[in-house]
C-alpha atoms as a PDB file:
ATOM      1  CA  MET A   1      -3.465  44.889  23.168  1.00  0.00           C
ATOM      2  CA  ASN A   2      -6.320  43.961  21.699  1.00  0.00           C
ATOM      3  CA  ASN A   3      -4.419  44.261  18.275  1.00  0.00           C
ATOM      4  CA  GLU A   4      -2.683  41.789  19.323  1.00  0.00           C
ATOM      5  CA  LEU A   5      -4.883  39.546  20.263  1.00  0.00           C
ATOM      6  CA  LEU A   6      -6.189  39.530  16.986  1.00  0.00           C
ATOM      7  CA  ILE A   7      -2.876  39.142  15.490  1.00  0.00           C
ATOM      8  CA  ALA A   8      -2.626  35.966  17.344  1.00  0.00           C
ATOM      9  CA  ILE A   9      -5.454  34.824  17.555  1.00  0.00           C
ATOM     10  CA  ILE A  10      -5.155  35.374  12.649  1.00  0.00           C
ATOM     11  CA  SER A  11      -2.137  33.726  13.317  1.00  0.00           C
ATOM     12  CA  SER A  12      -3.328  30.482  14.850  1.00  0.00           C
ATOM     13  CA  LEU A  13      -6.363  30.042  12.710  1.00  0.00           C
ATOM     14  CA  GLY A  14      -3.900  30.294   9.563  1.00  0.00           C
ATOM     15  CA  LEU A  15      -0.930  27.612  11.217  1.00  0.00           C
ATOM     16  CA  GLY A  16      -3.877  24.842  12.404  1.00  0.00           C
ATOM     17  CA  GLY A  17      -5.200  25.814   8.898  1.00  0.00           C
ATOM     18  CA  ILE A  18      -2.416  24.592   7.391  1.00  0.00           C
ATOM     19  CA  ALA A  19      -2.018  21.582   9.609  1.00  0.00           C
ATOM     20  CA  SER A  20      -5.065  20.045   8.801  1.00  0.00           C
ATOM     21  CA  ALA A  21      -4.693  20.548   5.064  1.00  0.00           C
ATOM     22  CA  LEU A  22      -1.175  19.389   5.653  1.00  0.00           C
ATOM     23  CA  ILE A  23      -2.767  15.958   7.565  1.00  0.00           C
ATOM     24  CA  THR A  24      -5.162  15.929   4.971  1.00  0.00           C
ATOM     25  CA  GLN A  25      -3.008  15.341   2.404  1.00  0.00           C
ATOM     26  CA  TRP A  26      -1.212  12.908   4.091  1.00  0.00           C
ATOM     27  CA  ILE A  27      -4.161  11.129   5.285  1.00  0.00           C
ATOM     28  CA  ASN A  28      -5.129  10.874   1.238  1.00  0.00           C
ATOM     29  CA  LYS A  29      -1.954  10.185  -0.002  1.00  0.00           C
ATOM     30  CA  ASP A  30      -1.794   6.585   2.729  1.00  0.00           C
ATOM     31  CA  LYS A  31      -5.667   5.812   1.211  1.00  0.00           C
ATOM     32  CA  ASN A  32      -3.822   5.914  -1.933  1.00  0.00           C
ATOM     33  CA  ILE A  33      -1.421   4.627  -1.773  1.00  0.00           C
ATOM     34  CA  GLN A  34      -3.453   1.650   0.317  1.00  0.00           C
ATOM     35  CA  GLU A  35      -5.449   1.549  -2.592  1.00  0.00           C
ATOM     36  CA  SER A  36      -3.288   0.986  -5.745  1.00  0.00           C
ATOM     37  CA  LYS A  37      -1.688  -1.646  -3.349  1.00  0.00           C
ATOM     38  CA  LYS A  38      -4.620  -3.783  -3.119  1.00  0.00           C
ATOM     39  CA  ILE A  39      -5.277  -3.843  -6.679  1.00  0.00           C
ATOM     40  CA  GLN A  40      -1.587  -4.147  -7.585  1.00  0.00           C
ATOM     41  CA  MET A  41      -2.676  -7.574  -5.615  1.00  0.00           C
ATOM     42  CA  GLN A  42      -6.176  -8.304  -6.939  1.00  0.00           C
ATOM     43  CA  LYS A  43      -4.339  -8.647 -10.185  1.00  0.00           C
ATOM     44  CA  ARG A  44      -1.228 -11.003  -8.996  1.00  0.00           C
ATOM     45  CA  TYR A  45      -4.289 -13.190  -7.538  1.00  0.00           C
ATOM     46  CA  LEU A  46      -6.190 -12.953 -10.580  1.00  0.00           C
ATOM     47  CA  ALA A  47      -3.342 -13.985 -12.760  1.00  0.00           C
ATOM     48  CA  ILE A  48      -2.517 -17.039  -9.960  1.00  0.00           C
ATOM     49  CA  MET A  49      -6.020 -18.052  -9.993  1.00  0.00           C
ATOM     50  CA  ILE A  50      -5.620 -18.493 -13.984  1.00  0.00           C
ATOM     51  CA  LEU A  51      -2.427 -20.673 -13.137  1.00  0.00           C
ATOM     52  CA  MET A  52      -4.008 -22.351 -11.735  1.00  0.00           C
ATOM     53  CA  PHE A  53      -7.406 -23.227 -12.545  1.00  0.00           C
ATOM     54  CA  ALA A  54      -4.953 -24.039 -15.858  1.00  0.00           C
ATOM     55  CA  PHE A  55      -3.207 -26.577 -13.913  1.00  0.00           C
ATOM     56  CA  LEU A  56      -6.023 -28.223 -12.901  1.00  0.00           C
ATOM     57  CA  ASP A  57      -7.531 -29.523 -15.869  1.00  0.00           C
ATOM     58  CA  PRO A  58      -4.399 -28.937 -18.511  1.00  0.00           C
ATOM     59  CA  LYS A  59      -5.757 -30.823 -20.961  1.00  0.00           C
ATOM     60  CA  LYS A  60      -8.922 -28.889 -21.305  1.00  0.00           C
ATOM     61  CA  GLN A  61      -7.081 -24.936 -20.247  1.00  0.00           C
ATOM     62  CA  LEU A  62      -3.551 -25.269 -21.524  1.00  0.00           C
ATOM     63  CA  LYS A  63      -4.448 -24.555 -24.597  1.00  0.00           C
ATOM     64  CA  LYS A  64      -6.375 -21.306 -23.751  1.00  0.00           C
ATOM     65  CA  LEU A  65      -3.825 -20.206 -21.348  1.00  0.00           C
ATOM     66  CA  SER A  66      -0.519 -20.005 -23.597  1.00  0.00           C
ATOM     67  CA  SER A  67      -3.437 -17.824 -26.313  1.00  0.00           C
ATOM     68  CA  HIS A  68      -2.288 -15.342 -23.661  1.00  0.00           C
ATOM     69  CA  ARG A  69       1.177 -16.431 -21.739  1.00  0.00           C
ATOM     70  CA  PRO A  70       3.012 -18.094 -25.147  1.00  0.00           C
ATOM     71  CA  ASP A  71       5.800 -18.226 -22.768  1.00  0.00           C
ATOM     72  CA  ILE A  72       3.207 -21.789 -21.210  1.00  0.00           C
ATOM     73  CA  ASN A  73       3.335 -24.476 -23.551  1.00  0.00           C
ATOM     74  CA  ASN A  74       3.303 -27.453 -21.708  1.00  0.00           C
ATOM     75  CA  LEU A  75       2.214 -28.419 -17.685  1.00  0.00           C
ATOM     76  CA  GLN A  76       5.973 -28.298 -17.068  1.00  0.00           C
ATOM     77  CA  ASP A  77       6.157 -24.909 -17.828  1.00  0.00           C
ATOM     78  CA  LEU A  78       3.464 -24.018 -15.742  1.00  0.00           C
ATOM     79  CA  LYS A  79       4.340 -25.261 -13.053  1.00  0.00           C
ATOM     80  CA  ASN A  80       7.231 -23.283 -12.572  1.00  0.00           C
ATOM     81  CA  GLU A  81       5.811 -19.980 -12.997  1.00  0.00           C
ATOM     82  CA  LEU A  82       2.991 -21.632 -10.256  1.00  0.00           C
ATOM     83  CA  GLU A  83       6.728 -22.048  -8.063  1.00  0.00           C
ATOM     84  CA  LEU A  84       7.646 -18.286  -9.609  1.00  0.00           C
ATOM     85  CA  GLU A  85       4.089 -17.437  -8.228  1.00  0.00           C
ATOM     86  CA  THR A  86       4.620 -18.844  -4.995  1.00  0.00           C
ATOM     87  CA  LEU A  87       8.068 -17.318  -4.381  1.00  0.00           C
ATOM     88  CA  ASN A  88       7.050 -13.618  -5.592  1.00  0.00           C
ATOM     89  CA  SER A  89       4.063 -14.315  -4.080  1.00  0.00           C
ATOM     90  CA  LEU A  90       6.257 -14.223  -0.559  1.00  0.00           C
ATOM     91  CA  ILE A  91       6.639  -9.807  -1.457  1.00  0.00           C
ATOM     92  CA  PHE A  92       2.462  -9.050  -1.340  1.00  0.00           C
ATOM     93  CA  ALA A  93       1.007 -12.254   0.203  1.00  0.00           C
ATOM     94  CA  ASN A  94      -0.188 -13.031   3.798  1.00  0.00           C
ATOM     95  CA  ASP A  95       0.699 -16.422   5.466  1.00  0.00           C
ATOM     96  CA  SER A  96      -2.209 -18.124   4.329  1.00  0.00           C
ATOM     97  CA  VAL A  97      -1.874 -17.446   1.182  1.00  0.00           C
ATOM     98  CA  VAL A  98       1.674 -18.197   0.421  1.00  0.00           C
ATOM     99  CA  LYS A  99       1.326 -21.613   2.620  1.00  0.00           C
ATOM    100  CA  ALA A 100      -1.920 -22.544   0.609  1.00  0.00           C
ATOM    101  CA  LEU A 101      -0.256 -21.733  -2.566  1.00  0.00           C
ATOM    102  CA  ASN A 102       2.082 -23.634  -2.302  1.00  0.00           C
ATOM    103  CA  GLU A 103      -0.063 -26.838  -0.726  1.00  0.00           C
ATOM    104  CA  PHE A 104      -1.557 -26.508  -3.859  1.00  0.00           C
ATOM    105  CA  THR A 105       1.456 -26.163  -6.134  1.00  0.00           C
ATOM    106  CA  LYS A 106       2.616 -29.884  -4.830  1.00  0.00           C
ATOM    107  CA  ASN A 107      -0.769 -30.918  -4.598  1.00  0.00           C
ATOM    108  CA  PRO A 108      -3.603 -29.435  -7.296  1.00  0.00           C
ATOM    109  CA  THR A 109      -6.724 -30.500  -6.949  1.00  0.00           C
ATOM    110  CA  LYS A 110     -10.046 -28.235  -6.810  1.00  0.00           C
ATOM    111  CA  GLN A 111      -9.868 -28.631  -2.639  1.00  0.00           C
ATOM    112  CA  ASN A 112      -6.280 -26.973  -2.247  1.00  0.00           C
ATOM    113  CA  TYR A 113      -7.553 -24.445  -5.684  1.00  0.00           C
ATOM    114  CA  ILE A 114     -10.481 -23.684  -2.888  1.00  0.00           C
ATOM    115  CA  LYS A 115      -8.830 -23.071   0.100  1.00  0.00           C
ATOM    116  CA  THR A 116      -5.810 -20.657  -1.893  1.00  0.00           C
ATOM    117  CA  VAL A 117      -9.000 -18.662  -3.282  1.00  0.00           C
ATOM    118  CA  VAL A 118     -10.978 -18.852  -0.108  1.00  0.00           C
ATOM    119  CA  SER A 119      -7.366 -17.256   1.502  1.00  0.00           C
ATOM    120  CA  MET A 120      -6.857 -14.676  -1.177  1.00  0.00           C
ATOM    121  CA  ARG A 121     -10.760 -13.520  -0.376  1.00  0.00           C
ATOM    122  CA  ARG A 122      -9.921 -12.888   3.159  1.00  0.00           C
ATOM    123  CA  ASP A 123      -5.965 -11.544   2.598  1.00  0.00           C
ATOM    124  CA  LEU A 124      -8.057  -8.642   0.189  1.00  0.00           C
ATOM    125  CA  TRP A 125     -11.027  -8.183   1.863  1.00  0.00           C
ATOM    126  CA  GLY A 126      -9.753  -8.678   5.752  1.00  0.00           C
ATOM    127  CA  GLY A 127     -11.420 -12.338   6.755  1.00  0.00           C
ATOM    128  CA  LYS A 128     -14.969 -11.508   6.314  1.00  0.00           C
ATOM    129  CA  THR A 129     -16.246 -14.442   4.073  1.00  0.00           C
ATOM    130  CA  LYS A 130     -17.842 -17.461   5.641  1.00  0.00           C
ATOM    131  CA  VAL A 131     -17.523 -18.816   3.065  1.00  0.00           C
ATOM    132  CA  THR A 132     -15.848 -22.087   3.407  1.00  0.00           C
ATOM    133  CA  LEU A 133     -14.514 -25.466   1.342  1.00  0.00           C
ATOM    134  CA  GLU A 134     -17.317 -27.295   2.301  1.00  0.00           C
ATOM    135  CA  ASP A 135     -19.256 -24.987   1.074  1.00  0.00           C
ATOM    136  CA  LEU A 136     -17.721 -25.539  -2.795  1.00  0.00           C
ATOM    137  CA  ASN A 137     -17.507 -28.821  -3.212  1.00  0.00           C
END
């Protein structure tokens, strides 16, 4: 009977170890996926912010932008790209970012730029920001 108990204990520890390893692997995989998503979202948001910044002052910024984005040659190209990014944001951005980006595209002001960027920041970092429009105007 002692042998049976010993075999049972060794078996249960082995299964527990396997289960623990599988759960740890699953948690790490999910963590890596979430990290990758956040990195991709940061890249998208930075690209959108550059487009928005150029839209605020196209005379000054369009030439700089077109050196990196040769497909954007004029204000209409830039507006079309921002409209496309607004539609693309439906896939990855939260509702407040989509709404703020849409508002900026319709009315490109510094205030709407700040509102959109603050929404992006909240989306990326879980809403933990006390920065307001008034702080940056």
